[in-house]
């Protein structure tokens, strides 16, 4: 899976990073590298939150973690 990180100048010397495909996932940092590191953490937290809220109806046949590279 490929996600697009958009980085813009923020206030007070910070950079703001946001995922184009998932606008709810955003972060900040002082450098581009810091924003890249922080967006990965923000995405992990976002997905963890989604997983916790997921309550499927019906009988689950299988659950499996997939890694998209």
N, C-alpha and C. Protein backbone atom coordinates (compact mmCIF):
# COMPACT_ATOMS: atom_id res chain seq x y z
N UNK A 1 0.84 -1.16 0.00
CA UNK A 1 0.00 0.00 0.00
C UNK A 1 0.90 1.23 0.00
N UNK A 2 0.55 2.19 -0.82
CA UNK A 2 1.31 3.43 -0.89
C UNK A 2 0.44 4.56 -0.38
N UNK A 3 0.95 5.31 0.59
CA UNK A 3 0.26 6.47 1.13
C UNK A 3 1.07 7.72 0.83
N UNK A 4 0.39 8.83 0.64
CA UNK A 4 1.05 10.08 0.27
C UNK A 4 1.11 11.00 1.49
N UNK A 5 2.31 11.37 1.90
CA UNK A 5 2.52 12.29 3.01
C UNK A 5 2.67 13.70 2.45
N UNK A 6 1.77 14.60 2.86
CA UNK A 6 1.84 16.00 2.46
C UNK A 6 2.39 16.77 3.65
N UNK A 7 3.43 17.56 3.41
CA UNK A 7 4.06 18.34 4.48
C UNK A 7 3.94 19.82 4.14
N UNK A 8 3.45 20.59 5.11
CA UNK A 8 3.30 22.03 4.95
C UNK A 8 3.98 22.74 6.11
N UNK A 9 4.31 23.99 5.90
CA UNK A 9 4.88 24.81 6.97
C UNK A 9 3.78 25.19 7.93
N UNK A 10 4.07 25.02 9.21
CA UNK A 10 3.13 25.39 10.25
C UNK A 10 3.63 26.63 10.97
N UNK A 11 3.13 26.85 12.17
CA UNK A 11 3.52 28.00 12.97
C UNK A 11 4.69 27.64 13.87
N UNK A 12 5.42 28.64 14.29
CA UNK A 12 6.50 28.49 15.26
C UNK A 12 7.59 27.53 14.82
N UNK A 13 7.84 27.46 13.51
CA UNK A 13 8.93 26.64 13.00
C UNK A 13 8.60 25.16 12.84
N UNK A 14 7.37 24.78 13.08
CA UNK A 14 6.98 23.38 12.95
C UNK A 14 6.52 23.08 11.52
N UNK A 15 6.66 21.83 11.14
CA UNK A 15 6.13 21.33 9.88
C UNK A 15 4.93 20.46 10.22
N UNK A 16 3.90 20.50 9.39
CA UNK A 16 2.69 19.71 9.60
C UNK A 16 2.63 18.65 8.51
N UNK A 17 2.48 17.40 8.91
CA UNK A 17 2.36 16.30 7.97
C UNK A 17 0.99 15.66 8.06
N UNK A 18 0.42 15.33 6.89
CA UNK A 18 -0.91 14.72 6.84
C UNK A 18 -0.93 13.70 5.71
N UNK A 19 -1.61 12.58 5.93
CA UNK A 19 -1.74 11.58 4.89
C UNK A 19 -2.89 11.96 3.96
N UNK A 20 -2.59 12.07 2.70
CA UNK A 20 -3.57 12.50 1.70
C UNK A 20 -4.75 11.52 1.64
N UNK A 21 -4.47 10.23 1.72
CA UNK A 21 -5.50 9.21 1.63
C UNK A 21 -6.28 9.03 2.93
N UNK A 22 -5.73 9.49 4.04
CA UNK A 22 -6.37 9.40 5.35
C UNK A 22 -6.19 10.73 6.07
N UNK A 23 -6.99 11.73 5.72
CA UNK A 23 -6.79 13.08 6.27
C UNK A 23 -6.87 13.16 7.80
N UNK A 24 -7.49 12.17 8.43
CA UNK A 24 -7.57 12.17 9.90
C UNK A 24 -6.22 11.86 10.54
N UNK A 25 -5.26 11.40 9.74
CA UNK A 25 -3.93 11.06 10.26
C UNK A 25 -2.98 12.21 9.95
N UNK A 26 -2.59 12.92 11.00
CA UNK A 26 -1.67 14.05 10.84
C UNK A 26 -0.78 14.18 12.06
N UNK A 27 0.30 14.93 11.90
CA UNK A 27 1.27 15.11 12.98
C UNK A 27 2.08 16.36 12.70
N UNK A 28 3.08 16.59 13.52
CA UNK A 28 3.99 17.73 13.32
C UNK A 28 5.40 17.33 13.70
N UNK A 29 6.34 18.18 13.34
CA UNK A 29 7.74 17.96 13.69
C UNK A 29 8.57 19.16 13.29
N UNK A 30 9.78 19.20 13.77
CA UNK A 30 10.70 20.30 13.45
C UNK A 30 11.41 20.08 12.12
N UNK A 31 11.58 18.80 11.72
CA UNK A 31 12.26 18.48 10.47
C UNK A 31 11.39 17.51 9.66
N UNK A 32 11.70 17.37 8.39
CA UNK A 32 10.98 16.43 7.54
C UNK A 32 11.14 15.01 8.07
N UNK A 33 12.34 14.65 8.49
CA UNK A 33 12.58 13.32 9.03
C UNK A 33 11.72 13.06 10.28
N UNK A 34 11.63 14.06 11.14
CA UNK A 34 10.81 13.92 12.34
C UNK A 34 9.34 13.74 11.98
N UNK A 35 8.87 14.49 10.99
CA UNK A 35 7.48 14.35 10.55
C UNK A 35 7.24 12.94 10.01
N UNK A 36 8.19 12.41 9.24
CA UNK A 36 8.05 11.05 8.69
C UNK A 36 7.98 10.02 9.81
N UNK A 37 8.80 10.16 10.83
CA UNK A 37 8.77 9.24 11.96
C UNK A 37 7.45 9.36 12.71
N UNK A 38 7.02 10.60 12.93
CA UNK A 38 5.81 10.84 13.70
C UNK A 38 4.55 10.38 12.96
N UNK A 39 4.54 10.50 11.62
CA UNK A 39 3.34 10.09 10.87
C UNK A 39 3.15 8.58 10.95
N UNK A 40 4.25 7.85 11.01
CA UNK A 40 4.15 6.39 11.16
C UNK A 40 3.50 6.05 12.50
N UNK A 41 3.90 6.76 13.56
CA UNK A 41 3.29 6.54 14.88
C UNK A 41 1.81 6.95 14.86
N UNK A 42 1.50 8.06 14.22
CA UNK A 42 0.12 8.53 14.15
C UNK A 42 -0.75 7.53 13.39
N UNK A 43 -0.23 6.96 12.31
CA UNK A 43 -0.97 5.96 11.55
C UNK A 43 -1.21 4.71 12.39
N UNK A 44 -0.21 4.26 13.13
CA UNK A 44 -0.38 3.11 14.01
C UNK A 44 -1.48 3.35 15.05
N UNK A 45 -1.47 4.53 15.66
CA UNK A 45 -2.48 4.86 16.66
C UNK A 45 -3.87 4.93 16.03
N UNK A 46 -3.96 5.51 14.84
CA UNK A 46 -5.24 5.61 14.13
C UNK A 46 -5.80 4.22 13.83
N UNK A 47 -4.96 3.34 13.31
CA UNK A 47 -5.40 1.99 12.98
C UNK A 47 -5.76 1.19 14.23
N UNK A 48 -5.01 1.36 15.31
CA UNK A 48 -5.35 0.70 16.57
C UNK A 48 -6.73 1.13 17.05
N UNK A 49 -7.03 2.42 16.93
CA UNK A 49 -8.32 2.95 17.34
C UNK A 49 -9.44 2.36 16.48
N UNK A 50 -9.22 2.26 15.19
CA UNK A 50 -10.21 1.68 14.27
C UNK A 50 -10.45 0.21 14.65
N UNK A 51 -9.38 -0.52 14.93
CA UNK A 51 -9.51 -1.94 15.30
C UNK A 51 -10.34 -2.11 16.57
N UNK A 52 -10.12 -1.24 17.55
CA UNK A 52 -10.86 -1.33 18.80
C UNK A 52 -12.34 -1.06 18.60
N UNK A 53 -12.69 -0.23 17.64
CA UNK A 53 -14.08 0.13 17.40
C UNK A 53 -14.80 -0.86 16.49
N UNK A 54 -14.07 -1.79 15.89
CA UNK A 54 -14.64 -2.71 14.91
C UNK A 54 -15.36 -3.85 15.63
N UNK A 55 -16.65 -3.97 15.40
CA UNK A 55 -17.46 -5.03 15.98
C UNK A 55 -18.34 -5.60 14.88
N UNK A 56 -17.84 -6.61 14.16
CA UNK A 56 -18.61 -7.15 13.04
C UNK A 56 -19.85 -7.92 13.50
N UNK A 57 -20.85 -7.90 12.64
CA UNK A 57 -22.04 -8.69 12.90
C UNK A 57 -21.86 -10.06 12.26
N UNK A 58 -22.51 -11.05 12.82
CA UNK A 58 -22.43 -12.38 12.25
C UNK A 58 -21.25 -13.16 12.78
N UNK A 59 -21.13 -14.37 12.28
CA UNK A 59 -20.06 -15.27 12.71
C UNK A 59 -18.78 -14.99 11.92
N UNK A 60 -17.70 -14.72 12.62
CA UNK A 60 -16.43 -14.49 11.97
C UNK A 60 -15.83 -15.82 11.55
N UNK A 61 -15.45 -15.93 10.31
CA UNK A 61 -14.87 -17.16 9.81
C UNK A 61 -13.37 -17.19 10.00
N UNK A 62 -12.72 -16.03 9.89
CA UNK A 62 -11.27 -15.99 10.00
C UNK A 62 -10.83 -14.56 10.29
N UNK A 63 -9.74 -14.44 11.02
CA UNK A 63 -9.11 -13.14 11.25
C UNK A 63 -7.62 -13.34 11.01
N UNK A 64 -7.04 -12.46 10.21
CA UNK A 64 -5.65 -12.62 9.84
C UNK A 64 -5.01 -11.24 9.64
N UNK A 65 -3.81 -11.06 10.16
CA UNK A 65 -3.07 -9.83 9.92
C UNK A 65 -2.35 -9.93 8.61
N UNK A 66 -2.41 -8.85 7.82
CA UNK A 66 -1.72 -8.80 6.53
C UNK A 66 -0.72 -7.67 6.55
N UNK A 67 0.39 -7.86 5.91
CA UNK A 67 1.42 -6.84 5.78
C UNK A 67 1.48 -6.40 4.34
N UNK A 68 1.22 -5.13 4.10
CA UNK A 68 1.30 -4.57 2.77
C UNK A 68 2.61 -3.83 2.63
N UNK A 69 3.43 -4.23 1.69
CA UNK A 69 4.71 -3.55 1.49
C UNK A 69 4.81 -2.95 0.11
